[in-house]
Amino acid sequence: MDDTDATAHYTLCGIFRLSGDLEGCRAEAERALSLDPNHTWALGLLGADHTCSGQLSQALAALNNAMRTSPHDDVDFHVVGHVRTVLCRRG
């Protein structure tokens, strides 16, 4: 694997997430973003990871950045709606 390839790290992030390793997922997403801060897919997976971990403010920040970099990706919009709903219910 090319350690300087953001998409390779994003791919590992997805593998870790599917296997239930949220810490590994987060580490690989952050590595991908250190290489390419506008990697939309890594931002989306980081947002999903934060959502699963209950870190909703961080999730919203990552997902808003994902939507900024790719405004026509409707998947991130659905996740943001879910996060905002939960935040509103928490008051």
C-alpha atoms as a PDB file:
ATOM      1  CA  MET A   1       0.000   0.000   0.000  1.00  0.00           C
ATOM      2  CA  ASP A   2       1.173   3.512  -0.791  1.00  0.00           C
ATOM      3  CA  ASP A   3       1.224   5.225   2.619  1.00  0.00           C
ATOM      4  CA  THR A   4       0.900   8.615   0.895  1.00  0.00           C
ATOM      5  CA  ASP A   5      -2.384   7.702  -0.847  1.00  0.00           C
ATOM      6  CA  ALA A   6      -5.397   9.199   0.949  1.00  0.00           C
ATOM      7  CA  THR A   7      -7.808   6.861  -0.844  1.00  0.00           C
ATOM      8  CA  ALA A   8      -5.873   3.814   0.364  1.00  0.00           C
ATOM      9  CA  HIS A   9      -6.271   5.025   3.946  1.00  0.00           C
ATOM     10  CA  TYR A  10      -9.962   5.734   3.321  1.00  0.00           C
ATOM     11  CA  THR A  11     -10.338   2.146   2.088  1.00  0.00           C
ATOM     12  CA  LEU A  12      -8.694   0.805   5.254  1.00  0.00           C
ATOM     13  CA  CYS A  13     -11.016   3.040   7.256  1.00  0.00           C
ATOM     14  CA  GLY A  14     -14.014   1.357   5.628  1.00  0.00           C
ATOM     15  CA  ILE A  15     -12.596  -2.092   6.310  1.00  0.00           C
ATOM     16  CA  PHE A  16     -12.028  -1.260   9.971  1.00  0.00           C
ATOM     17  CA  ARG A  17     -15.540   0.187  10.247  1.00  0.00           C
ATOM     18  CA  LEU A  18     -17.126  -2.920   8.738  1.00  0.00           C
ATOM     19  CA  SER A  19     -15.197  -5.110  11.161  1.00  0.00           C
ATOM     20  CA  GLY A  20     -16.397  -2.998  14.112  1.00  0.00           C
ATOM     21  CA  ASP A  21     -13.034  -1.386  14.848  1.00  0.00           C
ATOM     22  CA  LEU A  22     -14.122   2.248  15.230  1.00  0.00           C
ATOM     23  CA  GLU A  23     -10.751   3.344  16.618  1.00  0.00           C
ATOM     24  CA  GLY A  24      -8.961   1.872  13.616  1.00  0.00           C
ATOM     25  CA  CYS A  25     -11.506   3.483  11.319  1.00  0.00           C
ATOM     26  CA  ARG A  26     -11.010   6.874  12.918  1.00  0.00           C
ATOM     27  CA  ALA A  27      -7.211   6.584  12.752  1.00  0.00           C
ATOM     28  CA  GLU A  28      -7.283   5.751   9.038  1.00  0.00           C
ATOM     29  CA  ALA A  29      -9.820   8.487   8.268  1.00  0.00           C
ATOM     30  CA  GLU A  30      -7.647  11.008  10.077  1.00  0.00           C
ATOM     31  CA  ARG A  31      -4.575   9.761   8.187  1.00  0.00           C
ATOM     32  CA  ALA A  32      -6.444  10.121   4.883  1.00  0.00           C
ATOM     33  CA  LEU A  33      -7.482  13.646   5.856  1.00  0.00           C
ATOM     34  CA  SER A  34      -3.946  14.563   6.846  1.00  0.00           C
ATOM     35  CA  LEU A  35      -2.962  13.691   3.277  1.00  0.00           C
ATOM     36  CA  ASP A  36      -6.030  15.259   1.638  1.00  0.00           C
ATOM     37  CA  PRO A  37      -8.117  17.514   3.922  1.00  0.00           C
ATOM     38  CA  ASN A  38     -10.904  17.617   1.311  1.00  0.00           C
ATOM     39  CA  HIS A  39     -11.285  13.846   0.855  1.00  0.00           C
ATOM     40  CA  THR A  40     -15.072  13.765   0.873  1.00  0.00           C
ATOM     41  CA  TRP A  41     -15.434  10.046   1.504  1.00  0.00           C
ATOM     42  CA  ALA A  42     -12.999  10.090   4.441  1.00  0.00           C
ATOM     43  CA  LEU A  43     -14.889  13.049   5.922  1.00  0.00           C
ATOM     44  CA  GLY A  44     -18.150  11.136   5.538  1.00  0.00           C
ATOM     45  CA  LEU A  45     -16.797   7.991   7.188  1.00  0.00           C
ATOM     46  CA  LEU A  46     -15.258  10.049   9.993  1.00  0.00           C
ATOM     47  CA  GLY A  47     -18.658  11.663  10.516  1.00  0.00           C
ATOM     48  CA  ALA A  48     -20.351   8.263  10.566  1.00  0.00           C
ATOM     49  CA  ASP A  49     -17.735   6.977  13.017  1.00  0.00           C
ATOM     50  CA  HIS A  50     -18.303   9.931  15.339  1.00  0.00           C
ATOM     51  CA  THR A  51     -22.070   9.356  15.063  1.00  0.00           C
ATOM     52  CA  CYS A  52     -21.697   5.704  16.092  1.00  0.00           C
ATOM     53  CA  SER A  53     -19.479   6.765  18.986  1.00  0.00           C
ATOM     54  CA  GLY A  54     -22.037   9.306  20.199  1.00  0.00           C
ATOM     55  CA  GLN A  55     -19.763  12.261  19.402  1.00  0.00           C
ATOM     56  CA  LEU A  56     -22.430  14.182  17.575  1.00  0.00           C
ATOM     57  CA  SER A  57     -20.814  17.627  17.494  1.00  0.00           C
ATOM     58  CA  GLN A  58     -17.688  16.144  15.891  1.00  0.00           C
ATOM     59  CA  ALA A  59     -19.890  14.111  13.537  1.00  0.00           C
ATOM     60  CA  LEU A  60     -21.733  17.204  12.418  1.00  0.00           C
ATOM     61  CA  ALA A  61     -18.481  19.091  11.794  1.00  0.00           C
ATOM     62  CA  ALA A  62     -17.034  16.269   9.671  1.00  0.00           C
ATOM     63  CA  LEU A  63     -20.264  15.781   7.736  1.00  0.00           C
ATOM     64  CA  ASN A  64     -20.665  19.512   7.100  1.00  0.00           C
ATOM     65  CA  ASN A  65     -17.133  19.515   5.681  1.00  0.00           C
ATOM     66  CA  ALA A  66     -18.004  16.503   3.518  1.00  0.00           C
ATOM     67  CA  MET A  67     -21.056  18.316   2.174  1.00  0.00           C
ATOM     68  CA  ARG A  68     -18.928  21.416   1.514  1.00  0.00           C
ATOM     69  CA  THR A  69     -16.478  19.399  -0.574  1.00  0.00           C
ATOM     70  CA  SER A  70     -19.201  17.462  -2.419  1.00  0.00           C
ATOM     71  CA  PRO A  71     -22.531  19.307  -2.177  1.00  0.00           C
ATOM     72  CA  HIS A  72     -24.417  16.841  -4.392  1.00  0.00           C
ATOM     73  CA  ASP A  73     -23.730  13.715  -2.292  1.00  0.00           C
ATOM     74  CA  ASP A  74     -27.121  13.022  -0.735  1.00  0.00           C
ATOM     75  CA  VAL A  75     -25.886  10.299   1.652  1.00  0.00           C
ATOM     76  CA  ASP A  76     -24.136  12.848   3.861  1.00  0.00           C
ATOM     77  CA  PHE A  77     -27.271  15.011   3.912  1.00  0.00           C
ATOM     78  CA  HIS A  78     -29.286  12.121   5.380  1.00  0.00           C
ATOM     79  CA  VAL A  79     -26.720  11.461   8.096  1.00  0.00           C
ATOM     80  CA  VAL A  80     -26.565  15.181   8.972  1.00  0.00           C
ATOM     81  CA  GLY A  81     -30.341  15.223   9.305  1.00  0.00           C
ATOM     82  CA  HIS A  82     -30.164  12.286  11.710  1.00  0.00           C
ATOM     83  CA  VAL A  83     -27.420  13.915  13.796  1.00  0.00           C
ATOM     84  CA  ARG A  84     -29.286  17.225  13.984  1.00  0.00           C
ATOM     85  CA  THR A  85     -32.454  15.431  15.063  1.00  0.00           C
ATOM     86  CA  VAL A  86     -30.623  13.672  17.887  1.00  0.00           C
ATOM     87  CA  LEU A  87     -28.936  16.926  18.966  1.00  0.00           C
ATOM     88  CA  CYS A  88     -32.312  18.697  19.032  1.00  0.00           C
ATOM     89  CA  ARG A  89     -33.839  15.952  21.160  1.00  0.00           C
ATOM     90  CA  ARG A  90     -30.961  16.226  23.631  1.00  0.00           C
ATOM     91  CA  GLY A  91     -31.722  19.934  23.970  1.00  0.00           C
END
